[in-house]
PDB file of all heavy atoms in Angstrom:
ATOM      1  N   LEU A   1      88.279 126.886-143.312  1.00  0.00           N
ATOM      2  CA  LEU A   1      88.087 126.342-141.988  1.00  0.00           C
ATOM      3  C   LEU A   1      88.444 124.921-141.942  1.00  0.00           C
ATOM      4  O   LEU A   1      89.000 124.362-140.945  1.00  0.00           O
ATOM      5  CB  LEU A   1      86.600 126.601-141.603  1.00  0.00           C
ATOM      6  CG  LEU A   1      86.333 128.078-141.337  1.00  0.00           C
ATOM      7  CD1 LEU A   1      84.835 128.124-140.986  1.00  0.00           C
ATOM      8  CD2 LEU A   1      87.074 128.627-140.211  1.00  0.00           C
ATOM      9  N   GLN A   2      88.196 124.136-142.940  1.00  0.00           N
ATOM     10  CA  GLN A   2      88.442 122.666-143.066  1.00  0.00           C
ATOM     11  C   GLN A   2      89.989 122.470-142.985  1.00  0.00           C
ATOM     12  O   GLN A   2      90.432 121.572-142.365  1.00  0.00           O
ATOM     13  CB  GLN A   2      87.875 122.077-144.308  1.00  0.00           C
ATOM     14  CG  GLN A   2      87.869 120.516-144.313  1.00  0.00           C
ATOM     15  CD  GLN A   2      86.816 119.985-143.437  1.00  0.00           C
ATOM     16  OE1 GLN A   2      85.634 120.267-143.614  1.00  0.00           O
ATOM     17  NE2 GLN A   2      87.213 119.074-142.652  1.00  0.00           N
ATOM     18  N   ASP A   3      90.624 123.287-143.822  1.00  0.00           N
ATOM     19  CA  ASP A   3      92.199 123.230-143.773  1.00  0.00           C
ATOM     20  C   ASP A   3      92.753 123.491-142.247  1.00  0.00           C
ATOM     21  O   ASP A   3      93.720 122.849-141.898  1.00  0.00           O
ATOM     22  CB  ASP A   3      92.642 124.170-144.595  1.00  0.00           C
ATOM     23  CG  ASP A   3      92.540 123.731-146.120  1.00  0.00           C
ATOM     24  OD1 ASP A   3      92.228 122.468-146.404  1.00  0.00           O
ATOM     25  OD2 ASP A   3      92.485 124.586-147.016  1.00  0.00           O
ATOM     26  N   ILE A   4      92.135 124.522-141.657  1.00  0.00           N
ATOM     27  CA  ILE A   4      92.617 124.825-140.252  1.00  0.00           C
ATOM     28  C   ILE A   4      92.272 123.699-139.319  1.00  0.00           C
ATOM     29  O   ILE A   4      92.992 123.407-138.386  1.00  0.00           O
ATOM     30  CB  ILE A   4      92.021 126.155-139.850  1.00  0.00           C
ATOM     31  CG1 ILE A   4      92.405 127.311-140.642  1.00  0.00           C
ATOM     32  CG2 ILE A   4      92.250 126.529-138.343  1.00  0.00           C
ATOM     33  CD1 ILE A   4      91.765 128.711-140.356  1.00  0.00           C
ATOM     34  N   LEU A   5      91.049 123.062-139.519  1.00  0.00           N
ATOM     35  CA  LEU A   5      90.693 122.014-138.557  1.00  0.00           C
ATOM     36  C   LEU A   5      91.650 120.832-138.760  1.00  0.00           C
ATOM     37  O   LEU A   5      91.965 120.106-137.717  1.00  0.00           O
ATOM     38  CB  LEU A   5      89.265 121.456-139.069  1.00  0.00           C
ATOM     39  CG  LEU A   5      88.627 120.336-138.116  1.00  0.00           C
ATOM     40  CD1 LEU A   5      88.427 120.900-136.776  1.00  0.00           C
ATOM     41  CD2 LEU A   5      87.332 119.909-138.792  1.00  0.00           C
ATOM     42  N   ASP A   6      92.343 120.596-139.937  1.00  0.00           N
ATOM     43  CA  ASP A   6      93.336 119.682-140.011  1.00  0.00           C
ATOM     44  C   ASP A   6      94.498 119.831-139.017  1.00  0.00           C
ATOM     45  O   ASP A   6      95.049 118.809-138.377  1.00  0.00           O
ATOM     46  CB  ASP A   6      93.926 119.550-141.449  1.00  0.00           C
ATOM     47  CG  ASP A   6      93.007 119.053-142.410  1.00  0.00           C
ATOM     48  OD1 ASP A   6      91.936 118.425-141.999  1.00  0.00           O
ATOM     49  OD2 ASP A   6      93.082 119.378-143.646  1.00  0.00           O
ATOM     50  N   GLY A   7      94.865 121.063-138.699  1.00  0.00           N
ATOM     51  CA  GLY A   7      95.811 121.361-137.869  1.00  0.00           C
ATOM     52  C   GLY A   7      95.386 121.021-136.309  1.00  0.00           C
ATOM     53  O   GLY A   7      96.253 120.505-135.579  1.00  0.00           O
ATOM     54  N   PHE A   8      94.226 121.288-136.009  1.00  0.00           N
ATOM     55  CA  PHE A   8      93.635 120.879-134.610  1.00  0.00           C
ATOM     56  C   PHE A   8      93.659 119.328-134.552  1.00  0.00           C
ATOM     57  O   PHE A   8      94.076 118.808-133.464  1.00  0.00           O
ATOM     58  CB  PHE A   8      92.155 121.364-134.578  1.00  0.00           C
ATOM     59  CG  PHE A   8      91.523 120.909-133.312  1.00  0.00           C
ATOM     60  CD1 PHE A   8      91.699 121.550-132.123  1.00  0.00           C
ATOM     61  CD2 PHE A   8      90.680 119.887-133.374  1.00  0.00           C
ATOM     62  CE1 PHE A   8      91.078 121.064-130.951  1.00  0.00           C
ATOM     63  CE2 PHE A   8      89.988 119.382-132.179  1.00  0.00           C
ATOM     64  CZ  PHE A   8      90.205 120.128-131.041  1.00  0.00           C
ATOM     65  N   ILE A   9      93.277 118.660-135.638  1.00  0.00           N
ATOM     66  CA  ILE A   9      93.185 117.228-135.568  1.00  0.00           C
ATOM     67  C   ILE A   9      94.565 116.675-135.297  1.00  0.00           C
ATOM     68  O   ILE A   9      94.858 115.668-134.462  1.00  0.00           O
ATOM     69  CB  ILE A   9      92.622 116.589-136.888  1.00  0.00           C
ATOM     70  CG1 ILE A   9      91.036 116.992-136.833  1.00  0.00           C
ATOM     71  CG2 ILE A   9      92.737 115.149-136.878  1.00  0.00           C
ATOM     72  CD1 ILE A   9      90.400 116.797-138.115  1.00  0.00           C
ATOM     73  N   GLN A  10      95.609 117.194-136.047  1.00  0.00           N
ATOM     74  CA  GLN A  10      97.020 116.640-135.837  1.00  0.00           C
ATOM     75  C   GLN A  10      97.454 116.874-134.536  1.00  0.00           C
ATOM     76  O   GLN A  10      98.197 116.006-134.003  1.00  0.00           O
ATOM     77  CB  GLN A  10      97.820 117.343-136.876  1.00  0.00           C
ATOM     78  CG  GLN A  10      97.653 116.934-138.319  1.00  0.00           C
ATOM     79  CD  GLN A  10      98.144 115.564-138.741  1.00  0.00           C
ATOM     80  OE1 GLN A  10      98.935 115.010-138.074  1.00  0.00           O
ATOM     81  NE2 GLN A  10      97.487 114.955-139.764  1.00  0.00           N
ATOM     82  N   LYS A  11      97.112 118.001-133.897  1.00  0.00           N
ATOM     83  CA  LYS A  11      97.660 118.243-132.544  1.00  0.00           C
ATOM     84  C   LYS A  11      96.898 117.632-131.372  1.00  0.00           C
ATOM     85  O   LYS A  11      97.441 117.106-130.460  1.00  0.00           O
ATOM     86  CB  LYS A  11      97.835 119.746-132.469  1.00  0.00           C
ATOM     87  CG  LYS A  11      98.464 120.140-131.092  1.00  0.00           C
ATOM     88  CD  LYS A  11      98.788 121.686-131.104  1.00  0.00           C
ATOM     89  CE  LYS A  11      99.552 122.042-129.857  1.00  0.00           C
ATOM     90  NZ  LYS A  11      99.847 123.516-129.847  1.00  0.00           N
ATOM     91  N   TYR A  12      95.454 117.679-131.456  1.00  0.00           N
ATOM     92  CA  TYR A  12      94.687 117.346-130.318  1.00  0.00           C
ATOM     93  C   TYR A  12      93.838 116.095-130.475  1.00  0.00           C
ATOM     94  O   TYR A  12      93.183 115.682-129.551  1.00  0.00           O
ATOM     95  CB  TYR A  12      93.826 118.479-130.024  1.00  0.00           C
ATOM     96  CG  TYR A  12      94.538 119.686-129.411  1.00  0.00           C
ATOM     97  CD1 TYR A  12      94.865 120.809-130.283  1.00  0.00           C
ATOM     98  CD2 TYR A  12      94.943 119.792-128.112  1.00  0.00           C
ATOM     99  CE1 TYR A  12      95.595 121.957-129.766  1.00  0.00           C
ATOM    100  CE2 TYR A  12      95.549 120.860-127.599  1.00  0.00           C
ATOM    101  CZ  TYR A  12      95.971 121.961-128.347  1.00  0.00           C
ATOM    102  OH  TYR A  12      96.586 123.025-127.882  1.00  0.00           O
ATOM    103  N   VAL A  13      93.849 115.455-131.639  1.00  0.00           N
ATOM    104  CA  VAL A  13      93.117 114.294-131.858  1.00  0.00           C
ATOM    105  C   VAL A  13      93.897 112.998-132.250  1.00  0.00           C
ATOM    106  O   VAL A  13      93.687 111.933-131.668  1.00  0.00           O
ATOM    107  CB  VAL A  13      92.045 114.500-132.931  1.00  0.00           C
ATOM    108  CG1 VAL A  13      91.105 113.273-133.252  1.00  0.00           C
ATOM    109  CG2 VAL A  13      91.192 115.683-132.522  1.00  0.00           C
ATOM    110  N   LEU A  14      94.695 113.142-133.227  1.00  0.00           N
ATOM    111  CA  LEU A  14      95.519 111.851-133.601  1.00  0.00           C
ATOM    112  C   LEU A  14      96.508 111.423-132.668  1.00  0.00           C
ATOM    113  O   LEU A  14      97.245 112.275-132.034  1.00  0.00           O
ATOM    114  CB  LEU A  14      96.168 112.195-134.966  1.00  0.00           C
ATOM    115  CG  LEU A  14      95.174 112.524-136.168  1.00  0.00           C
ATOM    116  CD1 LEU A  14      96.007 112.690-137.522  1.00  0.00           C
ATOM    117  CD2 LEU A  14      94.198 111.430-136.441  1.00  0.00           C
ATOM    118  N   CYS A  15      96.666 110.098-132.539  1.00  0.00           N
ATOM    119  CA  CYS A  15      97.745 109.573-131.675  1.00  0.00           C
ATOM    120  C   CYS A  15      99.048 109.900-132.372  1.00  0.00           C
ATOM    121  O   CYS A  15      99.192 109.712-133.545  1.00  0.00           O
ATOM    122  CB  CYS A  15      97.523 108.096-131.564  1.00  0.00           C
ATOM    123  SG  CYS A  15      98.812 107.276-130.698  1.00  0.00           S
ATOM    124  N   SER A  16     100.049 110.255-131.603  1.00  0.00           N
ATOM    125  CA  SER A  16     101.378 110.640-132.133  1.00  0.00           C
ATOM    126  C   SER A  16     102.115 109.358-132.518  1.00  0.00           C
ATOM    127  O   SER A  16     103.145 109.488-133.207  1.00  0.00           O
ATOM    128  CB  SER A  16     102.192 111.492-131.134  1.00  0.00           C
ATOM    129  OG  SER A  16     102.370 110.776-129.964  1.00  0.00           O
ATOM    130  N   ASN A  17     101.708 108.200-132.018  1.00  0.00           N
ATOM    131  CA  ASN A  17     102.465 107.032-132.359  1.00  0.00           C
ATOM    132  C   ASN A  17     101.843 106.320-133.612  1.00  0.00           C
ATOM    133  O   ASN A  17     102.485 105.927-134.585  1.00  0.00           O
ATOM    134  CB  ASN A  17     102.361 106.070-131.134  1.00  0.00           C
ATOM    135  CG  ASN A  17     103.119 104.799-131.305  1.00  0.00           C
ATOM    136  OD1 ASN A  17     104.271 104.757-131.839  1.00  0.00           O
ATOM    137  ND2 ASN A  17     102.358 103.674-130.945  1.00  0.00           N
ATOM    138  N   CYS A  18     100.498 105.995-133.579  1.00  0.00           N
ATOM    139  CA  CYS A  18      99.862 105.243-134.659  1.00  0.00           C
ATOM    140  C   CYS A  18      99.038 106.153-135.496  1.00  0.00           C
ATOM    141  O   CYS A  18      98.459 105.574-136.496  1.00  0.00           O
ATOM    142  CB  CYS A  18      99.148 104.036-134.128  1.00  0.00           C
ATOM    143  SG  CYS A  18      97.678 104.638-133.116  1.00  0.00           S
ATOM    144  N   LYS A  19      98.834 107.390-135.336  1.00  0.00           N
ATOM    145  CA  LYS A  19      97.991 108.265-136.152  1.00  0.00           C
ATOM    146  C   LYS A  19      96.562 107.853-136.178  1.00  0.00           C
ATOM    147  O   LYS A  19      95.807 108.153-137.149  1.00  0.00           O
ATOM    148  CB  LYS A  19      98.613 108.381-137.540  1.00  0.00           C
ATOM    149  CG  LYS A  19     100.051 108.934-137.639  1.00  0.00           C
ATOM    150  CD  LYS A  19     100.065 110.296-136.947  1.00  0.00           C
ATOM    151  CE  LYS A  19     101.499 110.901-136.964  1.00  0.00           C
ATOM    152  NZ  LYS A  19     101.527 112.198-136.446  1.00  0.00           N
ATOM    153  N   ASN A  20      96.121 107.132-135.131  1.00  0.00           N
ATOM    154  CA  ASN A  20      94.717 106.774-134.996  1.00  0.00           C
ATOM    155  C   ASN A  20      93.996 107.796-134.165  1.00  0.00           C
ATOM    156  O   ASN A  20      94.441 108.326-133.278  1.00  0.00           O
ATOM    157  CB  ASN A  20      94.680 105.434-134.229  1.00  0.00           C
ATOM    158  CG  ASN A  20      93.369 104.739-134.404  1.00  0.00           C
ATOM    159  OD1 ASN A  20      92.290 105.260-134.017  1.00  0.00           O
ATOM    160  ND2 ASN A  20      93.348 103.500-134.942  1.00  0.00           N
ATOM    161  N   PRO A  21      92.711 108.193-134.586  1.00  0.00           N
ATOM    162  CA  PRO A  21      91.977 109.269-133.864  1.00  0.00           C
ATOM    163  C   PRO A  21      91.323 108.611-132.594  1.00  0.00           C
ATOM    164  O   PRO A  21      90.543 109.447-131.963  1.00  0.00           O
ATOM    165  CB  PRO A  21      91.067 109.794-134.922  1.00  0.00           C
ATOM    166  CG  PRO A  21      90.845 108.665-135.793  1.00  0.00           C
ATOM    167  CD  PRO A  21      92.066 107.905-135.834  1.00  0.00           C
ATOM    168  N   GLU A  22      91.547 107.420-132.229  1.00  0.00           N
ATOM    169  CA  GLU A  22      90.736 106.826-131.153  1.00  0.00           C
ATOM    170  C   GLU A  22      91.499 107.271-129.863  1.00  0.00           C
ATOM    171  O   GLU A  22      92.016 106.476-129.155  1.00  0.00           O
ATOM    172  CB  GLU A  22      90.657 105.389-131.201  1.00  0.00           C
ATOM    173  CG  GLU A  22      89.638 104.971-132.213  1.00  0.00           C
ATOM    174  CD  GLU A  22      89.279 103.433-132.011  1.00  0.00           C
ATOM    175  OE1 GLU A  22      89.516 102.886-131.043  1.00  0.00           O
ATOM    176  OE2 GLU A  22      88.877 102.822-133.145  1.00  0.00           O
ATOM    177  N   THR A  23      91.562 108.491-129.525  1.00  0.00           N
ATOM    178  CA  THR A  23      92.292 109.023-128.334  1.00  0.00           C
ATOM    179  C   THR A  23      91.249 109.689-127.383  1.00  0.00           C
ATOM    180  O   THR A  23      90.307 110.228-127.760  1.00  0.00           O
ATOM    181  CB  THR A  23      93.381 110.085-128.781  1.00  0.00           C
ATOM    182  OG1 THR A  23      92.761 111.077-129.352  1.00  0.00           O
ATOM    183  CG2 THR A  23      94.359 109.375-129.610  1.00  0.00           C
ATOM    184  N   ASP A  24      91.666 109.600-126.107  1.00  0.00           N
ATOM    185  CA  ASP A  24      90.962 110.305-125.076  1.00  0.00           C
ATOM    186  C   ASP A  24      91.804 111.444-124.557  1.00  0.00           C
ATOM    187  O   ASP A  24      92.941 111.344-124.396  1.00  0.00           O
ATOM    188  CB  ASP A  24      90.603 109.320-123.937  1.00  0.00           C
ATOM    189  CG  ASP A  24      89.521 108.380-124.211  1.00  0.00           C
ATOM    190  OD1 ASP A  24      88.611 108.659-125.144  1.00  0.00           O
ATOM    191  OD2 ASP A  24      89.568 107.249-123.746  1.00  0.00           O
TER     192      ASP A  24
END
């Protein structure tokens, strides 16, 4: 599940420009 969560974070959490998770 932790590995699958990485995919969610890449798509719906991290900024596509700076890879920072401070996104709304």
